[in-house]
Amino acid sequence: MNYKEQIKLIQKVTGLNQDEIARRLEVTFAALNRWLNDRAVPRENLKKKINKLYTELTGEESKSENIKEAKKQFIKKKQKEHKNIL
């Protein structure tokens, strides 16, 4: 799975918008938008940040392309962190 697919999956699983993802990656909205529209490619250190954020938010290191499974993993991770929340 490439960086573009990871970013899109982060959006679908977490509901974060591009601006929020850009802030978490410490880049501008414009930079993130250029990556998603194939007008630019992130540097290797930023690809690592994207991968780390993906793993952190989805809880999947295998980079499954199955959105439903990624959502389940995200929910399970949050349930472990916040045991008393419905």
Protein backbone atom coordinates (compact mmCIF):
# COMPACT_ATOMS: atom_id res chain seq x y z
CA MET A 1 0.00 0.00 0.00
CA ASN A 2 1.47 3.36 -0.97
CA TYR A 3 1.36 6.65 0.92
CA LYS A 4 -1.63 7.93 -1.02
CA GLU A 5 -3.73 4.87 -0.19
CA GLN A 6 -2.67 5.11 3.45
CA ILE A 7 -3.77 8.76 3.69
CA LYS A 8 -7.13 8.00 2.09
CA LEU A 9 -7.66 5.07 4.44
CA ILE A 10 -6.78 7.25 7.44
CA GLN A 11 -9.47 9.68 6.28
CA LYS A 12 -12.09 6.95 5.90
CA VAL A 13 -11.32 5.17 9.16
CA THR A 14 -10.91 8.18 11.45
CA GLY A 15 -13.02 10.83 9.75
CA LEU A 16 -10.14 13.31 9.82
CA ASN A 17 -10.07 15.88 7.03
CA GLN A 18 -6.99 16.78 4.98
CA ASP A 19 -6.18 19.80 7.14
CA GLU A 20 -6.17 17.72 10.34
CA ILE A 21 -4.01 15.02 8.75
CA ALA A 22 -1.59 17.66 7.44
CA ARG A 23 -1.24 19.11 10.95
CA ARG A 24 -0.52 15.66 12.40
CA LEU A 25 2.14 15.10 9.75
CA GLU A 26 3.51 18.62 10.35
CA VAL A 27 3.12 19.67 6.72
CA THR A 28 0.92 22.22 5.00
CA PHE A 29 -2.51 21.46 3.63
CA ALA A 30 -1.19 22.37 0.18
CA ALA A 31 1.62 19.81 0.40
CA LEU A 32 -0.76 17.04 1.44
CA ASN A 33 -3.19 18.00 -1.30
CA ARG A 34 -0.43 17.88 -3.93
CA TRP A 35 0.48 14.35 -2.79
CA LEU A 36 -3.11 13.18 -3.07
CA ASN A 37 -3.51 14.73 -6.52
CA ASP A 38 -0.24 13.24 -7.86
CA ARG A 39 1.39 16.64 -8.35
CA ALA A 40 4.17 15.88 -5.87
CA VAL A 41 5.65 13.00 -3.89
CA PRO A 42 6.55 13.18 -0.20
CA ARG A 43 10.16 12.70 0.84
CA GLU A 44 11.20 9.46 2.49
CA ASN A 45 11.07 10.88 6.02
CA LEU A 46 7.49 12.03 5.41
CA LYS A 47 6.54 8.65 3.96
CA LYS A 48 7.76 7.16 7.23
CA LYS A 49 5.61 9.66 9.16
CA ILE A 50 2.59 8.73 7.05
CA ASN A 51 3.22 5.04 7.69
CA LYS A 52 3.64 5.68 11.43
CA LEU A 53 0.41 7.72 11.58
CA TYR A 54 -1.39 5.02 9.61
CA THR A 55 -0.22 2.33 12.01
CA GLU A 56 -1.02 4.48 15.04
CA LEU A 57 -4.55 5.40 13.94
CA THR A 58 -5.68 2.16 12.34
CA GLY A 59 -3.78 -0.25 14.54
CA GLU A 60 -2.76 -2.26 11.50
CA GLU A 61 0.82 -2.93 10.66
CA SER A 62 -0.05 -5.29 7.82
CA LYS A 63 -1.60 -2.39 5.88
CA SER A 64 -4.76 -4.22 5.03
CA GLU A 65 -6.67 -2.75 2.13
CA ASN A 66 -9.92 -3.80 3.72
CA ILE A 67 -11.47 -0.61 5.12
CA LYS A 68 -13.98 -2.47 7.24
CA GLU A 69 -11.23 -4.47 8.94
CA ALA A 70 -9.18 -1.31 9.52
CA LYS A 71 -12.19 0.35 11.16
CA LYS A 72 -12.68 -2.65 13.43
CA GLN A 73 -9.05 -2.52 14.49
CA PHE A 74 -9.31 1.22 15.16
CA ILE A 75 -12.40 0.72 17.32
CA LYS A 76 -10.80 -2.15 19.25
CA LYS A 77 -7.75 -0.02 19.94
CA LYS A 78 -9.88 2.87 21.20
CA GLN A 79 -11.95 0.50 23.35
CA LYS A 80 -8.80 -0.70 25.07
CA GLU A 81 -7.72 2.88 25.73
CA HIS A 82 -11.14 3.99 27.04
CA LYS A 83 -12.73 1.03 28.77
CA ASN A 84 -15.71 2.87 30.31
CA ILE A 85 -16.97 4.53 27.14
CA LEU A 86 -19.98 3.00 25.43
